PDB file of N, CA and C in Angstrom:
ATOM      1  N   UNK A   1       2.578  14.689  -4.520  1.00  0.00           N
ATOM      2  CA  UNK A   1       3.134  13.686  -5.395  1.00  0.00           C
ATOM      3  C   UNK A   1       2.125  12.564  -5.673  1.00  0.00           C
ATOM      4  N   UNK A   2       1.450  12.100  -4.641  1.00  0.00           N
ATOM      5  CA  UNK A   2       0.470  11.027  -4.823  1.00  0.00           C
ATOM      6  C   UNK A   2      -0.649  11.487  -5.751  1.00  0.00           C
ATOM      7  N   UNK A   3      -1.120  12.712  -5.574  1.00  0.00           N
ATOM      8  CA  UNK A   3      -2.170  13.237  -6.454  1.00  0.00           C
ATOM      9  C   UNK A   3      -1.676  13.336  -7.899  1.00  0.00           C
ATOM     10  N   UNK A   4      -0.428  13.764  -8.086  1.00  0.00           N
ATOM     11  CA  UNK A   4       0.119  13.870  -9.443  1.00  0.00           C
ATOM     12  C   UNK A   4       0.222  12.493 -10.091  1.00  0.00           C
ATOM     13  N   UNK A   5       0.558  11.462  -9.321  1.00  0.00           N
ATOM     14  CA  UNK A   5       0.658  10.105  -9.871  1.00  0.00           C
ATOM     15  C   UNK A   5      -0.678   9.642 -10.428  1.00  0.00           C
ATOM     16  N   UNK A   6      -1.766  10.045  -9.783  1.00  0.00           N
ATOM     17  CA  UNK A   6      -3.096   9.620 -10.203  1.00  0.00           C
ATOM     18  C   UNK A   6      -3.740  10.587 -11.200  1.00  0.00           C
ATOM     19  N   UNK A   7      -3.163  11.769 -11.354  1.00  0.00           N
ATOM     20  CA  UNK A   7      -3.715  12.749 -12.281  1.00  0.00           C
ATOM     21  C   UNK A   7      -4.948  13.454 -11.757  1.00  0.00           C
ATOM     22  N   UNK A   8      -5.219  13.296 -10.461  1.00  0.00           N
ATOM     23  CA  UNK A   8      -6.374  13.940  -9.829  1.00  0.00           C
ATOM     24  C   UNK A   8      -6.204  13.848  -8.310  1.00  0.00           C
ATOM     25  N   UNK A   9      -6.980  14.616  -7.570  1.00  0.00           N
ATOM     26  CA  UNK A   9      -6.868  14.545  -6.108  1.00  0.00           C
ATOM     27  C   UNK A   9      -7.375  13.213  -5.559  1.00  0.00           C
ATOM     28  N   UNK A  10      -6.513  12.480  -4.902  1.00  0.00           N
ATOM     29  CA  UNK A  10      -6.915  11.231  -4.265  1.00  0.00           C
ATOM     30  C   UNK A  10      -6.408  11.158  -2.833  1.00  0.00           C
ATOM     31  N   UNK A  11      -5.487  12.021  -2.475  1.00  0.00           N
ATOM     32  CA  UNK A  11      -4.858  11.943  -1.158  1.00  0.00           C
ATOM     33  C   UNK A  11      -5.149  13.190  -0.346  1.00  0.00           C
ATOM     34  N   UNK A  12      -5.205  12.990   0.935  1.00  0.00           N
ATOM     35  CA  UNK A  12      -5.363  14.098   1.867  1.00  0.00           C
ATOM     36  C   UNK A  12      -4.142  15.024   1.764  1.00  0.00           C
ATOM     37  N   UNK A  13      -4.103  16.050   2.589  1.00  0.00           N
ATOM     38  CA  UNK A  13      -3.037  17.044   2.521  1.00  0.00           C
ATOM     39  C   UNK A  13      -1.665  16.457   2.856  1.00  0.00           C
ATOM     40  N   UNK A  14      -1.605  15.480   3.762  1.00  0.00           N
ATOM     41  CA  UNK A  14      -0.303  14.961   4.177  1.00  0.00           C
ATOM     42  C   UNK A  14      -0.066  13.590   3.591  1.00  0.00           C
ATOM     43  N   UNK A  15       1.009  13.473   2.840  1.00  0.00           N
ATOM     44  CA  UNK A  15       1.429  12.161   2.369  1.00  0.00           C
ATOM     45  C   UNK A  15       2.940  12.168   2.216  1.00  0.00           C
ATOM     46  N   UNK A  16       3.504  10.981   2.216  1.00  0.00           N
ATOM     47  CA  UNK A  16       4.950  10.844   2.107  1.00  0.00           C
ATOM     48  C   UNK A  16       5.265   9.613   1.278  1.00  0.00           C
ATOM     49  N   UNK A  17       6.426   9.653   0.650  1.00  0.00           N
ATOM     50  CA  UNK A  17       6.895   8.529  -0.137  1.00  0.00           C
ATOM     51  C   UNK A  17       8.321   8.231   0.302  1.00  0.00           C
ATOM     52  N   UNK A  18       8.568   6.970   0.632  1.00  0.00           N
ATOM     53  CA  UNK A  18       9.905   6.550   1.020  1.00  0.00           C
ATOM     54  C   UNK A  18      10.443   5.565   0.000  1.00  0.00           C
ATOM     55  N   UNK A  19      11.657   5.790  -0.449  1.00  0.00           N
ATOM     56  CA  UNK A  19      12.306   4.916  -1.410  1.00  0.00           C
ATOM     57  C   UNK A  19      13.405   4.140  -0.696  1.00  0.00           C
ATOM     58  N   UNK A  20      13.397   2.843  -0.860  1.00  0.00           N
ATOM     59  CA  UNK A  20      14.382   1.988  -0.215  1.00  0.00           C
ATOM     60  C   UNK A  20      15.025   1.130  -1.291  1.00  0.00           C
ATOM     61  N   UNK A  21      16.344   1.014  -1.241  1.00  0.00           N
ATOM     62  CA  UNK A  21      16.993   0.208  -2.253  1.00  0.00           C
ATOM     63  C   UNK A  21      18.262  -0.424  -1.743  1.00  0.00           C
ATOM     64  N   UNK A  22      18.617  -1.503  -2.388  1.00  0.00           N
ATOM     65  CA  UNK A  22      19.870  -2.177  -2.104  1.00  0.00           C
ATOM     66  C   UNK A  22      20.280  -2.906  -3.366  1.00  0.00           C
ATOM     67  N   UNK A  23      21.405  -3.559  -3.315  1.00  0.00           N
ATOM     68  CA  UNK A  23      21.856  -4.319  -4.462  1.00  0.00           C
ATOM     69  C   UNK A  23      20.976  -5.521  -4.745  1.00  0.00           C
ATOM     70  N   UNK A  24      20.107  -5.879  -3.800  1.00  0.00           N
ATOM     71  CA  UNK A  24      19.288  -7.072  -3.953  1.00  0.00           C
ATOM     72  C   UNK A  24      17.815  -6.762  -4.198  1.00  0.00           C
ATOM     73  N   UNK A  25      17.438  -5.540  -4.320  1.00  0.00           N
ATOM     74  CA  UNK A  25      16.034  -5.223  -4.563  1.00  0.00           C
ATOM     75  C   UNK A  25      15.671  -3.912  -3.905  1.00  0.00           C
ATOM     76  N   UNK A  26      14.486  -3.456  -4.183  1.00  0.00           N
ATOM     77  CA  UNK A  26      14.067  -2.182  -3.640  1.00  0.00           C
ATOM     78  C   UNK A  26      12.595  -2.188  -3.279  1.00  0.00           C
ATOM     79  N   UNK A  27      12.199  -1.091  -2.668  1.00  0.00           N
ATOM     80  CA  UNK A  27      10.802  -0.930  -2.255  1.00  0.00           C
ATOM     81  C   UNK A  27      10.462   0.547  -2.242  1.00  0.00           C
ATOM     82  N   UNK A  28       9.182   0.813  -2.389  1.00  0.00           N
ATOM     83  CA  UNK A  28       8.655   2.167  -2.241  1.00  0.00           C
ATOM     84  C   UNK A  28       7.475   2.073  -1.285  1.00  0.00           C
ATOM     85  N   UNK A  29       7.453   2.966  -0.306  1.00  0.00           N
ATOM     86  CA  UNK A  29       6.357   3.019   0.654  1.00  0.00           C
ATOM     87  C   UNK A  29       5.647   4.357   0.505  1.00  0.00           C
ATOM     88  N   UNK A  30       4.346   4.284   0.225  1.00  0.00           N
ATOM     89  CA  UNK A  30       3.500   5.465   0.116  1.00  0.00           C
ATOM     90  C   UNK A  30       2.621   5.510   1.361  1.00  0.00           C
ATOM     91  N   UNK A  31       2.563   6.663   2.012  1.00  0.00           N
ATOM     92  CA  UNK A  31       1.749   6.811   3.216  1.00  0.00           C
ATOM     93  C   UNK A  31       0.920   8.081   3.083  1.00  0.00           C
ATOM     94  N   UNK A  32      -0.372   7.944   3.296  1.00  0.00           N
ATOM     95  CA  UNK A  32      -1.267   9.098   3.316  1.00  0.00           C
ATOM     96  C   UNK A  32      -1.953   9.129   4.664  1.00  0.00           C
ATOM     97  N   UNK A  33      -1.913  10.281   5.315  1.00  0.00           N
ATOM     98  CA  UNK A  33      -2.563  10.411   6.614  1.00  0.00           C
ATOM     99  C   UNK A  33      -3.867  11.187   6.445  1.00  0.00           C
ATOM    100  N   UNK A  34      -4.904  10.625   7.031  1.00  0.00           N
ATOM    101  CA  UNK A  34      -6.238  11.215   6.979  1.00  0.00           C
ATOM    102  C   UNK A  34      -6.589  11.862   8.326  1.00  0.00           C
ATOM    103  N   UNK A  35      -7.677  12.559   8.352  1.00  0.00           N
ATOM    104  CA  UNK A  35      -8.131  13.205   9.590  1.00  0.00           C
ATOM    105  C   UNK A  35      -8.636  12.193  10.609  1.00  0.00           C
ATOM    106  N   UNK A  36      -9.226  11.105  10.097  1.00  0.00           N
ATOM    107  CA  UNK A  36      -9.796  10.081  10.981  1.00  0.00           C
ATOM    108  C   UNK A  36      -9.457   8.687  10.461  1.00  0.00           C
ATOM    109  N   UNK A  37      -9.417   7.727  11.374  1.00  0.00           N
ATOM    110  CA  UNK A  37      -9.124   6.344  11.001  1.00  0.00           C
ATOM    111  C   UNK A  37     -10.160   5.806  10.012  1.00  0.00           C
ATOM    112  N   UNK A  38     -11.417   6.190  10.181  1.00  0.00           N
ATOM    113  CA  UNK A  38     -12.472   5.728   9.277  1.00  0.00           C
ATOM    114  C   UNK A  38     -12.186   6.158   7.839  1.00  0.00           C
ATOM    115  N   UNK A  39     -11.660   7.357   7.649  1.00  0.00           N
ATOM    116  CA  UNK A  39     -11.340   7.826   6.301  1.00  0.00           C
ATOM    117  C   UNK A  39     -10.213   7.004   5.689  1.00  0.00           C
ATOM    118  N   UNK A  40      -9.237   6.618   6.493  1.00  0.00           N
ATOM    119  CA  UNK A  40      -8.146   5.774   5.991  1.00  0.00           C
ATOM    120  C   UNK A  40      -8.684   4.413   5.571  1.00  0.00           C
ATOM    121  N   UNK A  41      -9.568   3.832   6.371  1.00  0.00           N
ATOM    122  CA  UNK A  41     -10.163   2.539   6.018  1.00  0.00           C
ATOM    123  C   UNK A  41     -11.012   2.653   4.762  1.00  0.00           C
ATOM    124  N   UNK A  42     -11.766   3.749   4.634  1.00  0.00           N
ATOM    125  CA  UNK A  42     -12.569   3.958   3.427  1.00  0.00           C
ATOM    126  C   UNK A  42     -11.673   4.073   2.192  1.00  0.00           C
ATOM    127  N   UNK A  43     -10.552   4.770   2.325  1.00  0.00           N
ATOM    128  CA  UNK A  43      -9.602   4.885   1.217  1.00  0.00           C
ATOM    129  C   UNK A  43      -9.049   3.534   0.818  1.00  0.00           C
ATOM    130  N   UNK A  44      -8.758   2.714   1.805  1.00  0.00           N
ATOM    131  CA  UNK A  44      -8.280   1.355   1.549  1.00  0.00           C
ATOM    132  C   UNK A  44      -9.332   0.543   0.793  1.00  0.00           C
ATOM    133  N   UNK A  45     -10.577   0.633   1.214  1.00  0.00           N
ATOM    134  CA  UNK A  45     -11.663  -0.104   0.548  1.00  0.00           C
ATOM    135  C   UNK A  45     -11.862   0.363  -0.891  1.00  0.00           C
ATOM    136  N   UNK A  46     -11.832   1.663  -1.114  1.00  0.00           N
ATOM    137  CA  UNK A  46     -12.005   2.199  -2.477  1.00  0.00           C
ATOM    138  C   UNK A  46     -10.893   1.707  -3.401  1.00  0.00           C
ATOM    139  N   UNK A  47      -9.654   1.752  -2.901  1.00  0.00           N
ATOM    140  CA  UNK A  47      -8.533   1.268  -3.699  1.00  0.00           C
ATOM    141  C   UNK A  47      -8.711  -0.199  -4.044  1.00  0.00           C
ATOM    142  N   UNK A  48      -9.080  -0.976  -3.056  1.00  0.00           N
ATOM    143  CA  UNK A  48      -9.276  -2.409  -3.266  1.00  0.00           C
ATOM    144  C   UNK A  48     -10.331  -2.699  -4.308  1.00  0.00           C
ATOM    145  N   UNK A  49     -11.444  -1.983  -4.247  1.00  0.00           N
ATOM    146  CA  UNK A  49     -12.514  -2.185  -5.224  1.00  0.00           C
ATOM    147  C   UNK A  49     -12.039  -1.868  -6.640  1.00  0.00           C
ATOM    148  N   UNK A  50     -11.266  -0.800  -6.788  1.00  0.00           N
ATOM    149  CA  UNK A  50     -10.782  -0.424  -8.115  1.00  0.00           C
ATOM    150  C   UNK A  50      -9.795  -1.447  -8.651  1.00  0.00           C
ATOM    151  N   UNK A  51      -8.890  -1.901  -7.805  1.00  0.00           N
ATOM    152  CA  UNK A  51      -7.904  -2.883  -8.241  1.00  0.00           C
ATOM    153  C   UNK A  51      -8.591  -4.207  -8.571  1.00  0.00           C
ATOM    154  N   UNK A  52      -9.518  -4.632  -7.729  1.00  0.00           N
ATOM    155  CA  UNK A  52     -10.215  -5.903  -7.943  1.00  0.00           C
ATOM    156  C   UNK A  52     -11.046  -5.890  -9.223  1.00  0.00           C
ATOM    157  N   UNK A  53     -11.450  -4.707  -9.674  1.00  0.00           N
ATOM    158  CA  UNK A  53     -12.257  -4.617 -10.901  1.00  0.00           C
ATOM    159  C   UNK A  53     -11.463  -5.028 -12.138  1.00  0.00           C
ATOM    160  N   UNK A  54     -10.143  -5.054 -12.030  1.00  0.00           N
ATOM    161  CA  UNK A  54      -9.312  -5.487 -13.147  1.00  0.00           C
ATOM    162  C   UNK A  54      -9.001  -4.414 -14.164  1.00  0.00           C
ATOM    163  N   UNK A  55      -9.326  -3.165 -13.886  1.00  0.00           N
ATOM    164  CA  UNK A  55      -9.103  -2.082 -14.837  1.00  0.00           C
ATOM    165  C   UNK A  55      -7.715  -1.465 -14.746  1.00  0.00           C
ATOM    166  N   UNK A  56      -6.867  -1.974 -13.891  1.00  0.00           N
ATOM    167  CA  UNK A  56      -5.565  -1.361 -13.657  1.00  0.00           C
ATOM    168  C   UNK A  56      -4.446  -2.346 -13.979  1.00  0.00           C
ATOM    169  N   UNK A  57      -3.224  -1.936 -13.800  1.00  0.00           N
ATOM    170  CA  UNK A  57      -2.053  -2.757 -14.133  1.00  0.00           C
ATOM    171  C   UNK A  57      -1.747  -3.803 -13.068  1.00  0.00           C
ATOM    172  N   UNK A  58      -2.685  -4.060 -12.192  1.00  0.00           N
ATOM    173  CA  UNK A  58      -2.466  -4.999 -11.096  1.00  0.00           C
ATOM    174  C   UNK A  58      -3.362  -6.214 -11.277  1.00  0.00           C
ATOM    175  N   UNK A  59      -2.904  -7.356 -10.761  1.00  0.00           N
ATOM    176  CA  UNK A  59      -3.706  -8.580 -10.870  1.00  0.00           C
ATOM    177  C   UNK A  59      -3.534  -9.403  -9.591  1.00  0.00           C
ATOM    178  N   UNK A  60      -4.375 -10.399  -9.447  1.00  0.00           N
ATOM    179  CA  UNK A  60      -4.271 -11.295  -8.295  1.00  0.00           C
ATOM    180  C   UNK A  60      -4.678 -10.665  -6.981  1.00  0.00           C
ATOM    181  N   UNK A  61      -5.596  -9.709  -7.020  1.00  0.00           N
ATOM    182  CA  UNK A  61      -6.002  -9.022  -5.787  1.00  0.00           C
ATOM    183  C   UNK A  61      -6.605 -10.009  -4.789  1.00  0.00           C
ATOM    184  N   UNK A  62      -6.141  -9.911  -3.561  1.00  0.00           N
ATOM    185  CA  UNK A  62      -6.674 -10.738  -2.480  1.00  0.00           C
ATOM    186  C   UNK A  62      -6.457 -10.018  -1.153  1.00  0.00           C
ATOM    187  N   UNK A  63      -7.204 -10.447  -0.147  1.00  0.00           N
ATOM    188  CA  UNK A  63      -7.074  -9.885   1.204  1.00  0.00           C
ATOM    189  C   UNK A  63      -6.798 -11.028   2.163  1.00  0.00           C
ATOM    190  N   UNK A  64      -5.985 -10.739   3.165  1.00  0.00           N
ATOM    191  CA  UNK A  64      -5.667 -11.739   4.172  1.00  0.00           C
ATOM    192  C   UNK A  64      -5.175 -11.061   5.434  1.00  0.00           C
ATOM    193  N   UNK A  65      -4.880 -11.857   6.423  1.00  0.00           N
ATOM    194  CA  UNK A  65      -4.396 -11.328   7.696  1.00  0.00           C
ATOM    195  C   UNK A  65      -2.925 -11.679   7.842  1.00  0.00           C
ATOM    196  N   UNK A  66      -2.105 -10.661   8.103  1.00  0.00           N
ATOM    197  CA  UNK A  66      -0.671 -10.815   8.315  1.00  0.00           C
ATOM    198  C   UNK A  66      -0.321 -10.065   9.590  1.00  0.00           C
ATOM    199  N   UNK A  67       0.338 -10.742  10.515  1.00  0.00           N
ATOM    200  CA  UNK A  67       0.720 -10.108  11.784  1.00  0.00           C
ATOM    201  C   UNK A  67      -0.482  -9.444  12.465  1.00  0.00           C
ATOM    202  N   UNK A  68      -1.657 -10.057  12.334  1.00  0.00           N
ATOM    203  CA  UNK A  68      -2.860  -9.542  12.969  1.00  0.00           C
ATOM    204  C   UNK A  68      -3.534  -8.385  12.251  1.00  0.00           C
ATOM    205  N   UNK A  69      -3.027  -8.000  11.097  1.00  0.00           N
ATOM    206  CA  UNK A  69      -3.554  -6.856  10.343  1.00  0.00           C
ATOM    207  C   UNK A  69      -4.140  -7.351   9.027  1.00  0.00           C
ATOM    208  N   UNK A  70      -5.337  -6.872   8.661  1.00  0.00           N
ATOM    209  CA  UNK A  70      -5.916  -7.200   7.360  1.00  0.00           C
ATOM    210  C   UNK A  70      -5.162  -6.409   6.299  1.00  0.00           C
ATOM    211  N   UNK A  71      -4.649  -7.135   5.316  1.00  0.00           N
ATOM    212  CA  UNK A  71      -3.811  -6.542   4.277  1.00  0.00           C
ATOM    213  C   UNK A  71      -4.319  -6.998   2.920  1.00  0.00           C
ATOM    214  N   UNK A  72      -4.417  -6.068   1.990  1.00  0.00           N
ATOM    215  CA  UNK A  72      -4.735  -6.399   0.601  1.00  0.00           C
ATOM    216  C   UNK A  72      -3.414  -6.573  -0.138  1.00  0.00           C
ATOM    217  N   UNK A  73      -3.399  -7.501  -1.082  1.00  0.00           N
ATOM    218  CA  UNK A  73      -2.179  -7.763  -1.845  1.00  0.00           C
ATOM    219  C   UNK A  73      -2.514  -7.962  -3.311  1.00  0.00           C
ATOM    220  N   UNK A  74      -1.574  -7.595  -4.163  1.00  0.00           N
ATOM    221  CA  UNK A  74      -1.689  -7.835  -5.589  1.00  0.00           C
ATOM    222  C   UNK A  74      -0.285  -7.760  -6.181  1.00  0.00           C
ATOM    223  N   UNK A  75      -0.176  -8.059  -7.462  1.00  0.00           N
ATOM    224  CA  UNK A  75       1.099  -7.954  -8.153  1.00  0.00           C
ATOM    225  C   UNK A  75       0.897  -7.118  -9.411  1.00  0.00           C
ATOM    226  N   UNK A  76       1.975  -6.519  -9.858  1.00  0.00           N
ATOM    227  CA  UNK A  76       1.921  -5.724 -11.072  1.00  0.00           C
ATOM    228  C   UNK A  76       3.142  -4.846 -11.197  1.00  0.00           C
ATOM    229  N   UNK A  77       3.474  -4.496 -12.416  1.00  0.00           N
ATOM    230  CA  UNK A  77       4.609  -3.623 -12.695  1.00  0.00           C
ATOM    231  C   UNK A  77       5.904  -4.182 -12.121  1.00  0.00           C
ATOM    232  N   UNK A  78       5.995  -5.511 -12.067  1.00  0.00           N
ATOM    233  CA  UNK A  78       7.206  -6.167 -11.600  1.00  0.00           C
ATOM    234  C   UNK A  78       7.395  -6.207 -10.099  1.00  0.00           C
ATOM    235  N   UNK A  79       6.370  -5.808  -9.356  1.00  0.00           N
ATOM    236  CA  UNK A  79       6.489  -5.782  -7.902  1.00  0.00           C
ATOM    237  C   UNK A  79       5.276  -6.415  -7.232  1.00  0.00           C
ATOM    238  N   UNK A  80       5.454  -6.744  -5.955  1.00  0.00           N
ATOM    239  CA  UNK A  80       4.337  -7.143  -5.097  1.00  0.00           C
ATOM    240  C   UNK A  80       3.859  -5.877  -4.395  1.00  0.00           C
ATOM    241  N   UNK A  81       2.555  -5.768  -4.202  1.00  0.00           N
ATOM    242  CA  UNK A  81       1.977  -4.567  -3.595  1.00  0.00           C
ATOM    243  C   UNK A  81       1.098  -4.970  -2.422  1.00  0.00           C
ATOM    244  N   UNK A  82       1.219  -4.225  -1.326  1.00  0.00           N
ATOM    245  CA  UNK A  82       0.430  -4.472  -0.122  1.00  0.00           C
ATOM    246  C   UNK A  82      -0.214  -3.167   0.306  1.00  0.00           C
ATOM    247  N   UNK A  83      -1.495  -3.232   0.636  1.00  0.00           N
ATOM    248  CA  UNK A  83      -2.257  -2.038   1.002  1.00  0.00           C
ATOM    249  C   UNK A  83      -2.985  -2.321   2.305  1.00  0.00           C
ATOM    250  N   UNK A  84      -2.863  -1.391   3.247  1.00  0.00           N
ATOM    251  CA  UNK A  84      -3.579  -1.536   4.515  1.00  0.00           C
ATOM    252  C   UNK A  84      -3.662  -0.184   5.204  1.00  0.00           C
ATOM    253  N   UNK A  85      -4.613  -0.075   6.111  1.00  0.00           N
ATOM    254  CA  UNK A  85      -4.713   1.135   6.924  1.00  0.00           C
ATOM    255  C   UNK A  85      -4.298   0.801   8.347  1.00  0.00           C
ATOM    256  N   UNK A  86      -3.786   1.800   9.009  1.00  0.00           N
ATOM    257  CA  UNK A  86      -3.372   1.671  10.409  1.00  0.00           C
ATOM    258  C   UNK A  86      -3.628   3.014  11.068  1.00  0.00           C
ATOM    259  N   UNK A  87      -4.515   3.011  12.022  1.00  0.00           N
ATOM    260  CA  UNK A  87      -4.972   4.257  12.653  1.00  0.00           C
ATOM    261  C   UNK A  87      -5.454   5.216  11.560  1.00  0.00           C
ATOM    262  N   UNK A  88      -4.865   6.404  11.473  1.00  0.00           N
ATOM    263  CA  UNK A  88      -5.331   7.400  10.498  1.00  0.00           C
ATOM    264  C   UNK A  88      -4.556   7.358   9.185  1.00  0.00           C
ATOM    265  N   UNK A  89      -3.693   6.385   9.018  1.00  0.00           N
ATOM    266  CA  UNK A  89      -2.832   6.339   7.831  1.00  0.00           C
ATOM    267  C   UNK A  89      -3.186   5.180   6.912  1.00  0.00           C
ATOM    268  N   UNK A  90      -2.993   5.418   5.629  1.00  0.00           N
ATOM    269  CA  UNK A  90      -3.165   4.411   4.592  1.00  0.00           C
ATOM    270  C   UNK A  90      -1.781   4.138   4.007  1.00  0.00           C
ATOM    271  N   UNK A  91      -1.405   2.872   3.960  1.00  0.00           N
ATOM    272  CA  UNK A  91      -0.081   2.465   3.491  1.00  0.00           C
ATOM    273  C   UNK A  91      -0.206   1.663   2.197  1.00  0.00           C
ATOM    274  N   UNK A  92       0.731   1.903   1.284  1.00  0.00           N
ATOM    275  CA  UNK A  92       0.874   1.099   0.074  1.00  0.00           C
ATOM    276  C   UNK A  92       2.365   0.796  -0.035  1.00  0.00           C
ATOM    277  N   UNK A  93       2.697  -0.469   0.083  1.00  0.00           N
ATOM    278  CA  UNK A  93       4.083  -0.915  -0.035  1.00  0.00           C
ATOM    279  C   UNK A  93       4.261  -1.632  -1.363  1.00  0.00           C
ATOM    280  N   UNK A  94       5.162  -1.148  -2.189  1.00  0.00           N
ATOM    281  CA  UNK A  94       5.535  -1.788  -3.451  1.00  0.00           C
ATOM    282  C   UNK A  94       6.951  -2.306  -3.275  1.00  0.00           C
ATOM    283  N   UNK A  95       7.138  -3.617  -3.511  1.00  0.00           N
ATOM    284  CA  UNK A  95       8.431  -4.205  -3.182  1.00  0.00           C
ATOM    285  C   UNK A  95       8.788  -5.325  -4.156  1.00  0.00           C
ATOM    286  N   UNK A  96      10.068  -5.529  -4.339  1.00  0.00           N
ATOM    287  CA  UNK A  96      10.566  -6.641  -5.127  1.00  0.00           C
ATOM    288  C   UNK A  96       9.945  -7.922  -4.577  1.00  0.00           C
ATOM    289  N   UNK A  97       9.340  -8.754  -5.428  1.00  0.00           N
ATOM    290  CA  UNK A  97       8.662  -9.958  -4.942  1.00  0.00           C
ATOM    291  C   UNK A  97       9.550 -10.900  -4.128  1.00  0.00           C
ATOM    292  N   UNK A  98      10.841 -10.898  -4.386  1.00  0.00           N
ATOM    293  CA  UNK A  98      11.764 -11.758  -3.659  1.00  0.00           C
ATOM    294  C   UNK A  98      11.763 -11.463  -2.163  1.00  0.00           C
ATOM    295  N   UNK A  99      11.549 -10.200  -1.805  1.00  0.00           N
ATOM    296  CA  UNK A  99      11.611  -9.779  -0.414  1.00  0.00           C
ATOM    297  C   UNK A  99      10.264  -9.309   0.118  1.00  0.00           C
ATOM    298  N   UNK A 100       9.202  -9.613  -0.604  1.00  0.00           N
ATOM    299  CA  UNK A 100       7.892  -9.050  -0.293  1.00  0.00           C
ATOM    300  C   UNK A 100       7.405  -9.413   1.105  1.00  0.00           C
ATOM    301  N   UNK A 101       7.387 -10.687   1.423  1.00  0.00           N
ATOM    302  CA  UNK A 101       6.852 -11.100   2.717  1.00  0.00           C
ATOM    303  C   UNK A 101       7.686 -10.538   3.868  1.00  0.00           C
ATOM    304  N   UNK A 102       8.987 -10.598   3.732  1.00  0.00           N
ATOM    305  CA  UNK A 102       9.877 -10.076   4.776  1.00  0.00           C
ATOM    306  C   UNK A 102       9.675  -8.567   4.965  1.00  0.00           C
ATOM    307  N   UNK A 103       9.571  -7.827   3.867  1.00  0.00           N
ATOM    308  CA  UNK A 103       9.386  -6.375   3.948  1.00  0.00           C
ATOM    309  C   UNK A 103       8.049  -6.034   4.594  1.00  0.00           C
ATOM    310  N   UNK A 104       6.991  -6.747   4.191  1.00  0.00           N
ATOM    311  CA  UNK A 104       5.677  -6.480   4.778  1.00  0.00           C
ATOM    312  C   UNK A 104       5.677  -6.763   6.276  1.00  0.00           C
ATOM    313  N   UNK A 105       6.197  -7.897   6.676  1.00  0.00           N
ATOM    314  CA  UNK A 105       6.227  -8.237   8.106  1.00  0.00           C
ATOM    315  C   UNK A 105       7.042  -7.231   8.896  1.00  0.00           C
ATOM    316  N   UNK A 106       8.146  -6.789   8.352  1.00  0.00           N
ATOM    317  CA  UNK A 106       8.983  -5.797   9.024  1.00  0.00           C
ATOM    318  C   UNK A 106       8.228  -4.489   9.207  1.00  0.00           C
ATOM    319  N   UNK A 107       7.537  -4.051   8.159  1.00  0.00           N
ATOM    320  CA  UNK A 107       6.743  -2.821   8.259  1.00  0.00           C
ATOM    321  C   UNK A 107       5.643  -2.946   9.293  1.00  0.00           C
ATOM    322  N   UNK A 108       4.905  -4.034   9.250  1.00  0.00           N
ATOM    323  CA  UNK A 108       3.805  -4.222  10.203  1.00  0.00           C
ATOM    324  C   UNK A 108       4.320  -4.286  11.633  1.00  0.00           C
ATOM    325  N   UNK A 109       5.435  -4.941  11.846  1.00  0.00           N
ATOM    326  CA  UNK A 109       6.018  -5.024  13.190  1.00  0.00           C
ATOM    327  C   UNK A 109       6.442  -3.643  13.682  1.00  0.00           C
ATOM    328  N   UNK A 110       6.950  -2.820  12.790  1.00  0.00           N
ATOM    329  CA  UNK A 110       7.401  -1.472  13.191  1.00  0.00           C
ATOM    330  C   UNK A 110       6.236  -0.571  13.598  1.00  0.00           C
ATOM    331  N   UNK A 111       5.024  -0.890  13.175  1.00  0.00           N
ATOM    332  CA  UNK A 111       3.858  -0.062  13.495  1.00  0.00           C
ATOM    333  C   UNK A 111       3.234  -0.399  14.844  1.00  0.00           C
ATOM    334  N   UNK A 112       3.675  -1.451  15.462  1.00  0.00           N
ATOM    335  CA  UNK A 112       3.094  -1.846  16.748  1.00  0.00           C
ATOM    336  C   UNK A 112       3.433  -0.885  17.840  1.00  0.00           C
TER     337      UNK A 112
END
């Protein structure tokens, strides 16, 4: 699914997409697992460089530390987006901006 979204191979063999919704907003979590943690970090860096270049539907790219984890953030398509790697996995969280910080913190806490 992730490869189809991009129109070319960008994800390793294992990836998952989780859809979360409620009457007050929703979120989508994309997770790609790599063979090694270094590959997940490299994927995170490549994504960040492409988004920061301004060629995509996202704007306001920045990086910061949340809950002890370096996280990239941007906005676009009506949502807040957070990108980070953790061990061998690369995460992209797209969430209603109203609940963005709470959703990100909850996700990061669950990975501990």
